[in-house]
């Protein structure tokens, strides 16, 4: 944890911090199950939680269909999954108001996401959030994924702010909060979106709702 200093820029994680990604992913799994006429939403979603392929890889769908003996068209299922996921995506309640308050207060905002640039841009646009961010940093920009320091430092360099003058808001203790602590950013845990709460790391602040963020940053 760091000593409190004035915040002059804010970085955000995207999925499960600004937008309800897991909810959208579950809806997309349901669409695939309906398309192929086999399996269940819960069991397909569970495949995406495995520590292989990557959290968004269509290989999870291929593995799942093979495991239940389904011979449906993999490409069609994967395409539907992506379309349904984006269509179902919504920001958390209060996100738009919070981003507006921070921007009106003169704080430059950035996104540091493990989604690729195309997916990150599409999600921000779908949820009406693109206009709030001056920079979006993704693995295809830096060549690394969080928790690598490179991603955070690249975003801050583009915003012209040192780590000691910035905050990081994210749902993952391992990928967002721990590197923020290590680099000297003010760390704010979006606990409302954390699907892996077992990791041990202490943030500077904990949020049960995004609407509690402005008083922390603007006090």
Protein backbone atom coordinates (compact mmCIF):
# COMPACT_ATOMS: atom_id res chain seq x y z
CA UNK A 1 0.00 0.00 0.00
CA UNK A 2 1.19 3.52 -0.70
CA UNK A 3 0.92 6.87 1.03
CA UNK A 4 -1.93 9.02 -0.29
CA UNK A 5 -0.96 11.60 -2.92
CA UNK A 6 -3.06 13.51 -5.43
CA UNK A 7 -4.36 11.38 -8.30
CA UNK A 8 -3.75 12.96 -11.71
CA UNK A 9 -4.78 10.06 -13.97
CA UNK A 10 -6.80 6.85 -13.67
CA UNK A 11 -6.29 3.49 -15.35
CA UNK A 12 -9.09 0.95 -15.54
CA UNK A 13 -9.28 -2.71 -16.34
CA UNK A 14 -12.10 -3.38 -18.80
CA UNK A 15 -13.77 -6.77 -18.35
CA UNK A 16 -15.60 -7.25 -15.03
CA UNK A 17 -14.51 -3.77 -13.94
CA UNK A 18 -16.27 -1.46 -16.39
CA UNK A 19 -18.41 -4.02 -18.23
CA UNK A 20 -20.28 -7.15 -17.17
CA UNK A 21 -18.10 -9.51 -19.16
CA UNK A 22 -18.85 -12.77 -17.36
CA UNK A 23 -22.60 -12.14 -17.65
CA UNK A 24 -22.17 -11.58 -21.39
CA UNK A 25 -20.01 -14.67 -21.70
CA UNK A 26 -22.63 -16.82 -19.99
CA UNK A 27 -25.29 -15.43 -22.33
CA UNK A 28 -23.09 -16.32 -25.30
CA UNK A 29 -22.59 -19.85 -23.96
CA UNK A 30 -26.36 -20.17 -23.75
CA UNK A 31 -26.69 -19.09 -27.38
CA UNK A 32 -24.20 -21.76 -28.47
CA UNK A 33 -26.01 -24.46 -26.50
CA UNK A 34 -29.28 -23.44 -28.16
CA UNK A 35 -27.64 -23.50 -31.59
CA UNK A 36 -26.15 -26.98 -31.30
CA UNK A 37 -29.07 -28.43 -29.32
CA UNK A 38 -26.82 -30.12 -26.78
CA UNK A 39 -25.06 -29.47 -23.50
CA UNK A 40 -25.76 -26.81 -20.88
CA UNK A 41 -24.79 -23.19 -20.40
CA UNK A 42 -23.08 -23.91 -17.08
CA UNK A 43 -20.95 -26.75 -18.39
CA UNK A 44 -19.81 -24.82 -21.46
CA UNK A 45 -19.01 -21.75 -19.35
CA UNK A 46 -16.99 -23.97 -17.01
CA UNK A 47 -14.76 -24.88 -19.95
CA UNK A 48 -13.79 -21.22 -20.34
CA UNK A 49 -12.61 -21.17 -16.72
CA UNK A 50 -9.96 -23.82 -17.36
CA UNK A 51 -6.34 -22.59 -17.27
CA UNK A 52 -5.74 -23.55 -20.90
CA UNK A 53 -6.24 -21.90 -24.30
CA UNK A 54 -6.91 -18.45 -22.81
CA UNK A 55 -10.14 -17.15 -21.31
CA UNK A 56 -11.65 -16.13 -24.67
CA UNK A 57 -10.35 -18.80 -27.03
CA UNK A 58 -12.92 -20.57 -29.25
CA UNK A 59 -10.89 -23.73 -28.61
CA UNK A 60 -12.94 -24.08 -25.42
CA UNK A 61 -16.06 -24.48 -27.55
CA UNK A 62 -14.36 -27.06 -29.74
CA UNK A 63 -13.21 -29.02 -26.69
CA UNK A 64 -16.65 -28.89 -25.12
CA UNK A 65 -18.53 -30.04 -28.20
CA UNK A 66 -16.08 -32.91 -28.63
CA UNK A 67 -16.51 -33.90 -24.98
CA UNK A 68 -20.28 -34.27 -25.37
CA UNK A 69 -20.02 -35.98 -28.75
CA UNK A 70 -21.56 -33.08 -30.66
CA UNK A 71 -20.59 -32.75 -34.34
CA UNK A 72 -22.02 -29.26 -34.90
CA UNK A 73 -20.12 -26.76 -37.06
CA UNK A 74 -17.36 -25.37 -34.81
CA UNK A 75 -16.87 -22.21 -36.88
CA UNK A 76 -20.57 -21.38 -36.79
CA UNK A 77 -20.71 -21.96 -33.03
CA UNK A 78 -17.64 -19.79 -32.43
CA UNK A 79 -18.97 -16.98 -34.62
CA UNK A 80 -22.32 -17.02 -32.82
CA UNK A 81 -20.53 -17.00 -29.47
CA UNK A 82 -18.62 -13.82 -30.36
CA UNK A 83 -21.70 -12.04 -31.73
CA UNK A 84 -23.89 -13.02 -28.79
CA UNK A 85 -21.23 -12.04 -26.26
CA UNK A 86 -20.84 -8.55 -27.69
CA UNK A 87 -24.60 -8.04 -28.04
CA UNK A 88 -25.18 -9.00 -24.39
CA UNK A 89 -22.40 -6.80 -23.02
CA UNK A 90 -23.43 -3.95 -20.71
CA UNK A 91 -21.56 -1.55 -18.43
CA UNK A 92 -22.04 -1.88 -14.70
CA UNK A 93 -24.63 0.47 -13.29
CA UNK A 94 -23.11 3.87 -12.56
CA UNK A 95 -20.06 3.45 -14.80
CA UNK A 96 -21.06 6.15 -17.28
CA UNK A 97 -21.78 8.67 -14.52
CA UNK A 98 -18.52 7.87 -12.73
CA UNK A 99 -16.41 8.23 -15.88
CA UNK A 100 -18.15 11.50 -16.65
CA UNK A 101 -17.39 12.87 -13.19
CA UNK A 102 -13.74 11.90 -13.42
CA UNK A 103 -13.36 13.39 -16.88
CA UNK A 104 -15.15 16.59 -15.82
CA UNK A 105 -12.69 16.83 -12.93
CA UNK A 106 -9.87 16.94 -15.47
CA UNK A 107 -8.48 13.44 -14.90
CA UNK A 108 -7.20 11.70 -18.04
CA UNK A 109 -8.44 8.12 -18.20
CA UNK A 110 -6.96 4.98 -19.73
CA UNK A 111 -7.78 1.30 -20.12
CA UNK A 112 -5.28 -1.52 -19.57
CA UNK A 113 -6.87 -4.76 -20.75
CA UNK A 114 -5.83 -8.29 -21.60
CA UNK A 115 -8.38 -8.34 -24.42
CA UNK A 116 -6.86 -7.74 -27.85
CA UNK A 117 -7.22 -4.30 -29.41
CA UNK A 118 -10.11 -5.24 -31.72
CA UNK A 119 -12.18 -6.82 -28.94
CA UNK A 120 -11.41 -4.05 -26.44
CA UNK A 121 -12.44 -1.35 -28.93
CA UNK A 122 -15.64 -3.21 -29.83
CA UNK A 123 -16.62 -3.63 -26.17
CA UNK A 124 -16.00 0.01 -25.32
CA UNK A 125 -18.02 1.09 -28.35
CA UNK A 126 -20.85 -1.35 -27.61
CA UNK A 127 -21.17 0.04 -24.10
CA UNK A 128 -20.82 3.70 -25.09
CA UNK A 129 -17.55 4.15 -23.19
CA UNK A 130 -15.00 4.87 -25.93
CA UNK A 131 -15.27 8.64 -25.64
CA UNK A 132 -14.04 8.68 -22.05
CA UNK A 133 -10.60 7.17 -22.66
CA UNK A 134 -7.49 8.78 -24.06
CA UNK A 135 -5.53 5.55 -24.26
CA UNK A 136 -6.31 1.83 -24.48
CA UNK A 137 -3.39 -0.55 -23.93
CA UNK A 138 -3.73 -4.22 -24.90
CA UNK A 139 -1.29 -7.14 -25.28
CA UNK A 140 -0.97 -6.61 -29.03
CA UNK A 141 0.32 -3.10 -28.26
CA UNK A 142 2.99 -4.08 -25.72
CA UNK A 143 3.58 -7.76 -26.47
CA UNK A 144 2.82 -8.65 -22.85
CA UNK A 145 -0.18 -9.41 -20.66
CA UNK A 146 -0.96 -8.25 -17.17
CA UNK A 147 0.45 -8.44 -14.55
CA UNK A 148 3.51 -7.33 -16.55
CA UNK A 149 4.54 -3.81 -15.56
CA UNK A 150 5.01 -2.86 -19.22
CA UNK A 151 1.29 -2.47 -19.87
CA UNK A 152 0.70 -0.05 -16.99
CA UNK A 153 3.84 1.96 -17.63
CA UNK A 154 3.06 2.27 -21.33
CA UNK A 155 -0.40 3.66 -20.55
CA UNK A 156 0.97 6.12 -18.01
CA UNK A 157 3.72 7.28 -20.37
CA UNK A 158 1.10 8.07 -23.00
CA UNK A 159 -0.94 9.96 -20.42
CA UNK A 160 2.14 11.82 -19.21
CA UNK A 161 1.73 10.81 -15.56
CA UNK A 162 4.13 9.00 -13.22
CA UNK A 163 2.89 5.92 -11.31
CA UNK A 164 2.90 7.87 -8.05
CA UNK A 165 0.29 10.23 -9.51
CA UNK A 166 -2.05 7.58 -10.86
CA UNK A 167 -4.68 5.10 -9.72
CA UNK A 168 -5.47 1.64 -11.06
CA UNK A 169 -9.01 0.25 -10.79
CA UNK A 170 -9.46 -3.46 -11.51
CA UNK A 171 -11.25 -6.62 -10.46
CA UNK A 172 -8.22 -8.94 -10.40
CA UNK A 173 -6.01 -8.90 -7.34
CA UNK A 174 -3.28 -10.75 -9.22
CA UNK A 175 -3.38 -8.97 -12.59
CA UNK A 176 -4.47 -5.46 -11.56
CA UNK A 177 -3.94 -4.75 -7.87
CA UNK A 178 -0.65 -6.50 -7.18
CA UNK A 179 1.22 -4.85 -10.08
CA UNK A 180 -0.34 -1.49 -9.17
CA UNK A 181 0.95 -1.86 -5.62
CA UNK A 182 4.37 -2.87 -6.88
CA UNK A 183 4.61 0.14 -9.21
CA UNK A 184 3.33 2.65 -6.67
CA UNK A 185 -0.09 3.41 -8.14
CA UNK A 186 -3.09 3.90 -5.88
CA UNK A 187 -4.76 0.47 -6.11
CA UNK A 188 -8.55 0.24 -6.10
CA UNK A 189 -10.05 -3.25 -6.13
CA UNK A 190 -13.32 -3.57 -8.06
CA UNK A 191 -14.44 -6.36 -5.76
CA UNK A 192 -17.94 -6.35 -7.26
CA UNK A 193 -16.50 -7.95 -10.41
CA UNK A 194 -13.91 -10.29 -8.89
CA UNK A 195 -14.65 -13.91 -9.82
CA UNK A 196 -11.45 -15.21 -8.20
CA UNK A 197 -11.50 -13.79 -4.67
CA UNK A 198 -9.11 -16.37 -3.20
CA UNK A 199 -5.92 -14.55 -4.22
CA UNK A 200 -4.20 -12.74 -1.35
CA UNK A 201 -3.24 -9.13 -2.00
CA UNK A 202 -4.15 -5.94 -0.14
CA UNK A 203 -5.47 -2.99 -2.17
CA UNK A 204 -5.41 0.61 -1.02
CA UNK A 205 -9.19 0.72 -1.46
CA UNK A 206 -11.97 -1.80 -2.07
CA UNK A 207 -15.14 -1.08 -4.05
CA UNK A 208 -18.43 -2.91 -3.66
CA UNK A 209 -19.87 -0.63 -6.35
CA UNK A 210 -18.25 1.62 -8.95
CA UNK A 211 -20.23 4.62 -7.70
CA UNK A 212 -18.01 4.69 -4.61
CA UNK A 213 -14.96 5.57 -6.72
CA UNK A 214 -15.22 9.38 -7.17
CA UNK A 215 -15.02 10.19 -3.44
CA UNK A 216 -11.80 8.16 -3.22
CA UNK A 217 -10.13 9.87 -6.17
CA UNK A 218 -11.52 13.39 -5.92
CA UNK A 219 -11.38 13.99 -2.17
